[in-house]
Amino acid sequence: MLHLVTILQRQVEPRKLGKVAPGPVDVELSRTTVVHPDVVFVATANLHRIGKHIVCPPDLTVEHLSPSNPGNDLKRKMHL
């Protein structure tokens, strides 16, 4: 994942396109639903979504499939 974060940051930061953050980072989808993606990107126009955590879906979310719990990643998180 670190390699992917580095690649994204090299594209995003010099162009001031937004912020890339490696996980875990709290993403609040609702008052009762918080997920922790592996990598997130928030575009400059949406940086107001970032405070103590990210409120609303990021512009890009990357989730590494966990071999021990693929159902959670493929079903629950994808649905959210």
PDB file of N, CA and C in Angstrom:
ATOM      1  N   MET A   1       0.816  -1.202   0.000  1.00  0.00           N
ATOM      2  CA  MET A   1       0.000   0.000   0.000  1.00  0.00           C
ATOM      3  C   MET A   1       0.859   1.265   0.000  1.00  0.00           C
ATOM      4  N   LEU A   2       1.972   1.202   0.685  1.00  0.00           N
ATOM      5  CA  LEU A   2       2.835   2.381   0.773  1.00  0.00           C
ATOM      6  C   LEU A   2       3.288   2.840  -0.607  1.00  0.00           C
ATOM      7  N   HIS A   3       3.566   1.882  -1.486  1.00  0.00           N
ATOM      8  CA  HIS A   3       3.976   2.233  -2.848  1.00  0.00           C
ATOM      9  C   HIS A   3       2.852   2.974  -3.578  1.00  0.00           C
ATOM     10  N   LEU A   4       1.642   2.512  -3.430  1.00  0.00           N
ATOM     11  CA  LEU A   4       0.496   3.170  -4.059  1.00  0.00           C
ATOM     12  C   LEU A   4       0.309   4.582  -3.511  1.00  0.00           C
ATOM     13  N   VAL A   5       0.435   4.749  -2.212  1.00  0.00           N
ATOM     14  CA  VAL A   5       0.311   6.078  -1.593  1.00  0.00           C
ATOM     15  C   VAL A   5       1.365   7.020  -2.165  1.00  0.00           C
ATOM     16  N   THR A   6       2.598   6.530  -2.286  1.00  0.00           N
ATOM     17  CA  THR A   6       3.689   7.349  -2.825  1.00  0.00           C
ATOM     18  C   THR A   6       3.397   7.775  -4.260  1.00  0.00           C
ATOM     19  N   ILE A   7       2.941   6.845  -5.080  1.00  0.00           N
ATOM     20  CA  ILE A   7       2.605   7.163  -6.475  1.00  0.00           C
ATOM     21  C   ILE A   7       1.514   8.230  -6.536  1.00  0.00           C
ATOM     22  N   LEU A   8       0.462   8.042  -5.754  1.00  0.00           N
ATOM     23  CA  LEU A   8      -0.636   9.022  -5.746  1.00  0.00           C
ATOM     24  C   LEU A   8      -0.158  10.388  -5.255  1.00  0.00           C
ATOM     25  N   GLN A   9       0.619  10.406  -4.181  1.00  0.00           N
ATOM     26  CA  GLN A   9       1.093  11.683  -3.645  1.00  0.00           C
ATOM     27  C   GLN A   9       1.956  12.425  -4.654  1.00  0.00           C
ATOM     28  N   ARG A  10       2.768  11.723  -5.406  1.00  0.00           N
ATOM     29  CA  ARG A  10       3.631  12.362  -6.410  1.00  0.00           C
ATOM     30  C   ARG A  10       2.825  13.000  -7.539  1.00  0.00           C
ATOM     31  N   GLN A  11       1.637  12.507  -7.774  1.00  0.00           N
ATOM     32  CA  GLN A  11       0.773  13.083  -8.797  1.00  0.00           C
ATOM     33  C   GLN A  11      -0.112  14.202  -8.243  1.00  0.00           C
ATOM     34  N   VAL A  12      -0.592  14.011  -7.046  1.00  0.00           N
ATOM     35  CA  VAL A  12      -1.589  14.903  -6.453  1.00  0.00           C
ATOM     36  C   VAL A  12      -0.974  16.165  -5.857  1.00  0.00           C
ATOM     37  N   GLU A  13       0.042  16.008  -5.027  1.00  0.00           N
ATOM     38  CA  GLU A  13       0.563  17.142  -4.257  1.00  0.00           C
ATOM     39  C   GLU A  13       1.178  18.251  -5.106  1.00  0.00           C
ATOM     40  N   PRO A  14       2.042  17.965  -6.099  1.00  0.00           N
ATOM     41  CA  PRO A  14       2.614  19.067  -6.881  1.00  0.00           C
ATOM     42  C   PRO A  14       1.564  19.870  -7.662  1.00  0.00           C
ATOM     43  N   ARG A  15       0.480  19.214  -8.000  1.00  0.00           N
ATOM     44  CA  ARG A  15      -0.580  19.863  -8.771  1.00  0.00           C
ATOM     45  C   ARG A  15      -1.664  20.463  -7.875  1.00  0.00           C
ATOM     46  N   LYS A  16      -1.503  20.270  -6.564  1.00  0.00           N
ATOM     47  CA  LYS A  16      -2.467  20.766  -5.579  1.00  0.00           C
ATOM     48  C   LYS A  16      -3.883  20.282  -5.890  1.00  0.00           C
ATOM     49  N   LEU A  17      -3.971  18.986  -6.206  1.00  0.00           N
ATOM     50  CA  LEU A  17      -5.252  18.379  -6.563  1.00  0.00           C
ATOM     51  C   LEU A  17      -6.067  17.961  -5.344  1.00  0.00           C
ATOM     52  N   GLY A  18      -5.414  17.880  -4.179  1.00  0.00           N
ATOM     53  CA  GLY A  18      -6.109  17.459  -2.975  1.00  0.00           C
ATOM     54  C   GLY A  18      -5.136  16.813  -2.017  1.00  0.00           C
ATOM     55  N   LYS A  19      -5.646  15.870  -1.220  1.00  0.00           N
ATOM     56  CA  LYS A  19      -4.838  15.179  -0.216  1.00  0.00           C
ATOM     57  C   LYS A  19      -4.987  13.672  -0.364  1.00  0.00           C
ATOM     58  N   VAL A  20      -3.869  12.983  -0.207  1.00  0.00           N
ATOM     59  CA  VAL A  20      -3.840  11.523  -0.178  1.00  0.00           C
ATOM     60  C   VAL A  20      -3.449  11.132   1.236  1.00  0.00           C
ATOM     61  N   ALA A  21      -4.147  10.169   1.803  1.00  0.00           N
ATOM     62  CA  ALA A  21      -3.828   9.724   3.158  1.00  0.00           C
ATOM     63  C   ALA A  21      -3.829   8.202   3.225  1.00  0.00           C
ATOM     64  N   PRO A  22      -2.773   7.634   3.816  1.00  0.00           N
ATOM     65  CA  PRO A  22      -2.795   6.198   4.049  1.00  0.00           C
ATOM     66  C   PRO A  22      -3.666   5.889   5.252  1.00  0.00           C
ATOM     67  N   GLY A  23      -4.259   4.727   5.242  1.00  0.00           N
ATOM     68  CA  GLY A  23      -5.087   4.329   6.367  1.00  0.00           C
ATOM     69  C   GLY A  23      -4.252   3.797   7.504  1.00  0.00           C
ATOM     70  N   PRO A  24      -4.867   3.530   8.600  1.00  0.00           N
ATOM     71  CA  PRO A  24      -6.306   3.709   8.770  1.00  0.00           C
ATOM     72  C   PRO A  24      -6.660   5.164   9.031  1.00  0.00           C
ATOM     73  N   VAL A  25      -7.706   5.603   8.406  1.00  0.00           N
ATOM     74  CA  VAL A  25      -8.252   6.938   8.624  1.00  0.00           C
ATOM     75  C   VAL A  25      -9.755   6.775   8.796  1.00  0.00           C
ATOM     76  N   ASP A  26     -10.328   7.488   9.742  1.00  0.00           N
ATOM     77  CA  ASP A  26     -11.771   7.398   9.974  1.00  0.00           C
ATOM     78  C   ASP A  26     -12.527   8.119   8.870  1.00  0.00           C
ATOM     79  N   VAL A  27     -13.452   7.413   8.254  1.00  0.00           N
ATOM     80  CA  VAL A  27     -14.337   8.002   7.246  1.00  0.00           C
ATOM     81  C   VAL A  27     -15.761   7.816   7.757  1.00  0.00           C
ATOM     82  N   GLU A  28     -16.405   8.921   8.075  1.00  0.00           N
ATOM     83  CA  GLU A  28     -17.767   8.885   8.604  1.00  0.00           C
ATOM     84  C   GLU A  28     -18.758   8.954   7.453  1.00  0.00           C
ATOM     85  N   LEU A  29     -19.456   7.852   7.235  1.00  0.00           N
ATOM     86  CA  LEU A  29     -20.465   7.802   6.181  1.00  0.00           C
ATOM     87  C   LEU A  29     -21.830   8.203   6.704  1.00  0.00           C
ATOM     88  N   SER A  30     -22.034   8.013   8.002  1.00  0.00           N
ATOM     89  CA  SER A  30     -23.236   8.466   8.694  1.00  0.00           C
ATOM     90  C   SER A  30     -22.872   8.567  10.172  1.00  0.00           C
ATOM     91  N   ARG A  31     -23.797   9.031  10.975  1.00  0.00           N
ATOM     92  CA  ARG A  31     -23.503   9.157  12.410  1.00  0.00           C
ATOM     93  C   ARG A  31     -23.188   7.816  13.069  1.00  0.00           C
ATOM     94  N   THR A  32     -23.685   6.753  12.477  1.00  0.00           N
ATOM     95  CA  THR A  32     -23.473   5.429  13.063  1.00  0.00           C
ATOM     96  C   THR A  32     -22.561   4.534  12.231  1.00  0.00           C
ATOM     97  N   THR A  33     -22.040   5.039  11.115  1.00  0.00           N
ATOM     98  CA  THR A  33     -21.201   4.218  10.239  1.00  0.00           C
ATOM     99  C   THR A  33     -19.873   4.909   9.981  1.00  0.00           C
ATOM    100  N   VAL A  34     -18.816   4.312  10.526  1.00  0.00           N
ATOM    101  CA  VAL A  34     -17.454   4.801  10.302  1.00  0.00           C
ATOM    102  C   VAL A  34     -16.636   3.631   9.777  1.00  0.00           C
ATOM    103  N   VAL A  35     -15.941   3.852   8.649  1.00  0.00           N
ATOM    104  CA  VAL A  35     -15.088   2.823   8.061  1.00  0.00           C
ATOM    105  C   VAL A  35     -13.642   3.314   8.072  1.00  0.00           C
ATOM    106  N   HIS A  36     -12.723   2.392   7.823  1.00  0.00           N
ATOM    107  CA  HIS A  36     -11.289   2.698   7.868  1.00  0.00           C
ATOM    108  C   HIS A  36     -10.610   2.157   6.609  1.00  0.00           C
ATOM    109  N   PRO A  37     -10.709   2.888   5.494  1.00  0.00           N
ATOM    110  CA  PRO A  37     -10.080   2.422   4.251  1.00  0.00           C
ATOM    111  C   PRO A  37      -8.559   2.409   4.377  1.00  0.00           C
ATOM    112  N   ASP A  38      -7.921   1.696   3.452  1.00  0.00           N
ATOM    113  CA  ASP A  38      -6.462   1.603   3.445  1.00  0.00           C
ATOM    114  C   ASP A  38      -5.802   2.841   2.852  1.00  0.00           C
ATOM    115  N   VAL A  39      -6.431   3.452   1.858  1.00  0.00           N
ATOM    116  CA  VAL A  39      -5.930   4.679   1.231  1.00  0.00           C
ATOM    117  C   VAL A  39      -7.127   5.530   0.841  1.00  0.00           C
ATOM    118  N   VAL A  40      -7.019   6.840   1.045  1.00  0.00           N
ATOM    119  CA  VAL A  40      -8.087   7.740   0.597  1.00  0.00           C
ATOM    120  C   VAL A  40      -7.482   8.935  -0.122  1.00  0.00           C
ATOM    121  N   PHE A  41      -8.258   9.488  -1.038  1.00  0.00           N
ATOM    122  CA  PHE A  41      -7.928  10.731  -1.726  1.00  0.00           C
ATOM    123  C   PHE A  41      -9.141  11.641  -1.610  1.00  0.00           C
ATOM    124  N   VAL A  42      -8.890  12.881  -1.219  1.00  0.00           N
ATOM    125  CA  VAL A  42      -9.944  13.893  -1.161  1.00  0.00           C
ATOM    126  C   VAL A  42      -9.504  15.049  -2.051  1.00  0.00           C
ATOM    127  N   ALA A  43     -10.325  15.382  -3.043  1.00  0.00           N
ATOM    128  CA  ALA A  43     -10.014  16.458  -3.979  1.00  0.00           C
ATOM    129  C   ALA A  43     -10.041  17.814  -3.278  1.00  0.00           C
ATOM    130  N   THR A  44      -9.303  18.749  -3.827  1.00  0.00           N
ATOM    131  CA  THR A  44      -9.204  20.094  -3.254  1.00  0.00           C
ATOM    132  C   THR A  44     -10.574  20.695  -2.981  1.00  0.00           C
ATOM    133  N   ALA A  45     -11.496  20.533  -3.882  1.00  0.00           N
ATOM    134  CA  ALA A  45     -12.843  21.103  -3.717  1.00  0.00           C
ATOM    135  C   ALA A  45     -13.585  20.504  -2.529  1.00  0.00           C
ATOM    136  N   ASN A  46     -13.123  19.357  -2.053  1.00  0.00           N
ATOM    137  CA  ASN A  46     -13.810  18.669  -0.959  1.00  0.00           C
ATOM    138  C   ASN A  46     -13.005  18.633   0.336  1.00  0.00           C
ATOM    139  N   LEU A  47     -11.934  19.401   0.405  1.00  0.00           N
ATOM    140  CA  LEU A  47     -11.097  19.381   1.603  1.00  0.00           C
ATOM    141  C   LEU A  47     -11.847  19.840   2.850  1.00  0.00           C
ATOM    142  N   HIS A  48     -12.942  20.549   2.675  1.00  0.00           N
ATOM    143  CA  HIS A  48     -13.755  20.961   3.825  1.00  0.00           C
ATOM    144  C   HIS A  48     -14.348  19.752   4.554  1.00  0.00           C
ATOM    145  N   ARG A  49     -14.311  18.583   3.935  1.00  0.00           N
ATOM    146  CA  ARG A  49     -14.817  17.349   4.563  1.00  0.00           C
ATOM    147  C   ARG A  49     -13.869  16.805   5.627  1.00  0.00           C
ATOM    148  N   ILE A  50     -12.651  17.340   5.669  1.00  0.00           N
ATOM    149  CA  ILE A  50     -11.646  16.799   6.574  1.00  0.00           C
ATOM    150  C   ILE A  50     -11.563  17.646   7.842  1.00  0.00           C
ATOM    151  N   GLY A  51     -11.683  16.984   8.953  1.00  0.00           N
ATOM    152  CA  GLY A  51     -11.499  17.598  10.265  1.00  0.00           C
ATOM    153  C   GLY A  51     -10.758  16.578  11.105  1.00  0.00           C
ATOM    154  N   LYS A  52     -11.354  16.189  12.202  1.00  0.00           N
ATOM    155  CA  LYS A  52     -10.774  15.102  12.995  1.00  0.00           C
ATOM    156  C   LYS A  52     -10.818  13.798  12.205  1.00  0.00           C
ATOM    157  N   HIS A  53     -11.751  13.724  11.274  1.00  0.00           N
ATOM    158  CA  HIS A  53     -11.885  12.581  10.381  1.00  0.00           C
ATOM    159  C   HIS A  53     -12.528  13.095   9.090  1.00  0.00           C
ATOM    160  N   ILE A  54     -12.734  12.211   8.144  1.00  0.00           N
ATOM    161  CA  ILE A  54     -13.355  12.591   6.871  1.00  0.00           C
ATOM    162  C   ILE A  54     -14.849  12.338   6.979  1.00  0.00           C
ATOM    163  N   VAL A  55     -15.630  13.351   6.655  1.00  0.00           N
ATOM    164  CA  VAL A  55     -17.088  13.232   6.691  1.00  0.00           C
ATOM    165  C   VAL A  55     -17.572  13.117   5.247  1.00  0.00           C
ATOM    166  N   CYS A  56     -18.344  12.091   4.956  1.00  0.00           N
ATOM    167  CA  CYS A  56     -18.844  11.752   3.618  1.00  0.00           C
ATOM    168  C   CYS A  56     -17.787  10.938   2.876  1.00  0.00           C
ATOM    169  N   PRO A  57     -18.173  10.280   1.818  1.00  0.00           N
ATOM    170  CA  PRO A  57     -17.216   9.444   1.089  1.00  0.00           C
ATOM    171  C   PRO A  57     -16.091  10.266   0.466  1.00  0.00           C
ATOM    172  N   PRO A  58     -14.850   9.768   0.542  1.00  0.00           N
ATOM    173  CA  PRO A  58     -13.745  10.430  -0.164  1.00  0.00           C
ATOM    174  C   PRO A  58     -13.957  10.307  -1.676  1.00  0.00           C
ATOM    175  N   ASP A  59     -13.181  11.057  -2.428  1.00  0.00           N
ATOM    176  CA  ASP A  59     -13.285  10.980  -3.886  1.00  0.00           C
ATOM    177  C   ASP A  59     -12.720   9.672  -4.431  1.00  0.00           C
ATOM    178  N   LEU A  60     -11.753   9.110  -3.711  1.00  0.00           N
ATOM    179  CA  LEU A  60     -11.199   7.804  -4.063  1.00  0.00           C
ATOM    180  C   LEU A  60     -10.919   7.057  -2.773  1.00  0.00           C
ATOM    181  N   THR A  61     -11.320   5.804  -2.735  1.00  0.00           N
ATOM    182  CA  THR A  61     -11.058   4.935  -1.594  1.00  0.00           C
ATOM    183  C   THR A  61     -10.461   3.638  -2.116  1.00  0.00           C
ATOM    184  N   VAL A  62      -9.369   3.210  -1.488  1.00  0.00           N
ATOM    185  CA  VAL A  62      -8.728   1.958  -1.861  1.00  0.00           C
ATOM    186  C   VAL A  62      -8.776   1.034  -0.655  1.00  0.00           C
ATOM    187  N   GLU A  63      -9.228  -0.168  -0.888  1.00  0.00           N
ATOM    188  CA  GLU A  63      -9.321  -1.162   0.177  1.00  0.00           C
ATOM    189  C   GLU A  63      -8.561  -2.404  -0.259  1.00  0.00           C
ATOM    190  N   HIS A  64      -7.599  -2.807   0.531  1.00  0.00           N
ATOM    191  CA  HIS A  64      -6.857  -4.042   0.288  1.00  0.00           C
ATOM    192  C   HIS A  64      -7.713  -5.196   0.802  1.00  0.00           C
ATOM    193  N   LEU A  65      -7.943  -6.185  -0.040  1.00  0.00           N
ATOM    194  CA  LEU A  65      -8.763  -7.312   0.379  1.00  0.00           C
ATOM    195  C   LEU A  65      -8.023  -8.153   1.412  1.00  0.00           C
ATOM    196  N   SER A  66      -8.669  -8.364   2.518  1.00  0.00           N
ATOM    197  CA  SER A  66      -8.098  -9.157   3.598  1.00  0.00           C
ATOM    198  C   SER A  66      -8.377 -10.631   3.353  1.00  0.00           C
ATOM    199  N   PRO A  67      -7.336 -11.455   3.269  1.00  0.00           N
ATOM    200  CA  PRO A  67      -7.572 -12.886   3.041  1.00  0.00           C
ATOM    201  C   PRO A  67      -8.353 -13.538   4.183  1.00  0.00           C
ATOM    202  N   SER A  68      -8.254 -12.969   5.373  1.00  0.00           N
ATOM    203  CA  SER A  68      -8.942 -13.572   6.510  1.00  0.00           C
ATOM    204  C   SER A  68     -10.413 -13.186   6.595  1.00  0.00           C
ATOM    205  N   ASN A  69     -10.809 -12.130   5.886  1.00  0.00           N
ATOM    206  CA  ASN A  69     -12.196 -11.672   5.978  1.00  0.00           C
ATOM    207  C   ASN A  69     -12.634 -11.000   4.670  1.00  0.00           C
ATOM    208  N   PRO A  70     -12.565 -11.696   3.539  1.00  0.00           N
ATOM    209  CA  PRO A  70     -12.909 -11.054   2.269  1.00  0.00           C
ATOM    210  C   PRO A  70     -14.372 -10.645   2.166  1.00  0.00           C
ATOM    211  N   GLY A  71     -15.255 -11.342   2.858  1.00  0.00           N
ATOM    212  CA  GLY A  71     -16.677 -10.995   2.813  1.00  0.00           C
ATOM    213  C   GLY A  71     -16.940  -9.604   3.334  1.00  0.00           C
ATOM    214  N   ASN A  72     -16.243  -9.211   4.362  1.00  0.00           N
ATOM    215  CA  ASN A  72     -16.393  -7.868   4.920  1.00  0.00           C
ATOM    216  C   ASN A  72     -16.004  -6.816   3.889  1.00  0.00           C
ATOM    217  N   ASP A  73     -14.878  -7.034   3.204  1.00  0.00           N
ATOM    218  CA  ASP A  73     -14.391  -6.060   2.228  1.00  0.00           C
ATOM    219  C   ASP A  73     -15.246  -6.043   0.956  1.00  0.00           C
ATOM    220  N   LEU A  74     -15.588  -7.214   0.472  1.00  0.00           N
ATOM    221  CA  LEU A  74     -16.304  -7.305  -0.809  1.00  0.00           C
ATOM    222  C   LEU A  74     -17.795  -7.025  -0.685  1.00  0.00           C
ATOM    223  N   LYS A  75     -18.383  -7.348   0.440  1.00  0.00           N
ATOM    224  CA  LYS A  75     -19.827  -7.176   0.582  1.00  0.00           C
ATOM    225  C   LYS A  75     -20.179  -5.941   1.401  1.00  0.00           C
ATOM    226  N   ARG A  76     -19.834  -5.963   2.669  1.00  0.00           N
ATOM    227  CA  ARG A  76     -20.253  -4.878   3.563  1.00  0.00           C
ATOM    228  C   ARG A  76     -19.648  -3.537   3.165  1.00  0.00           C
ATOM    229  N   LYS A  77     -18.336  -3.475   3.034  1.00  0.00           N
ATOM    230  CA  LYS A  77     -17.691  -2.190   2.726  1.00  0.00           C
ATOM    231  C   LYS A  77     -18.062  -1.689   1.343  1.00  0.00           C
ATOM    232  N   MET A  78     -18.167  -2.590   0.364  1.00  0.00           N
ATOM    233  CA  MET A  78     -18.553  -2.163  -0.980  1.00  0.00           C
ATOM    234  C   MET A  78     -19.970  -1.601  -0.971  1.00  0.00           C
ATOM    235  N   HIS A  79     -20.858  -2.220  -0.225  1.00  0.00           N
ATOM    236  CA  HIS A  79     -22.234  -1.740  -0.124  1.00  0.00           C
ATOM    237  C   HIS A  79     -22.285  -0.333   0.508  1.00  0.00           C
ATOM    238  N   LEU A  80     -21.476  -0.157   1.547  1.00  0.00           N
ATOM    239  CA  LEU A  80     -21.451   1.152   2.213  1.00  0.00           C
ATOM    240  C   LEU A  80     -20.991   2.235   1.276  1.00  0.00           C
TER     241      LEU A  80
END
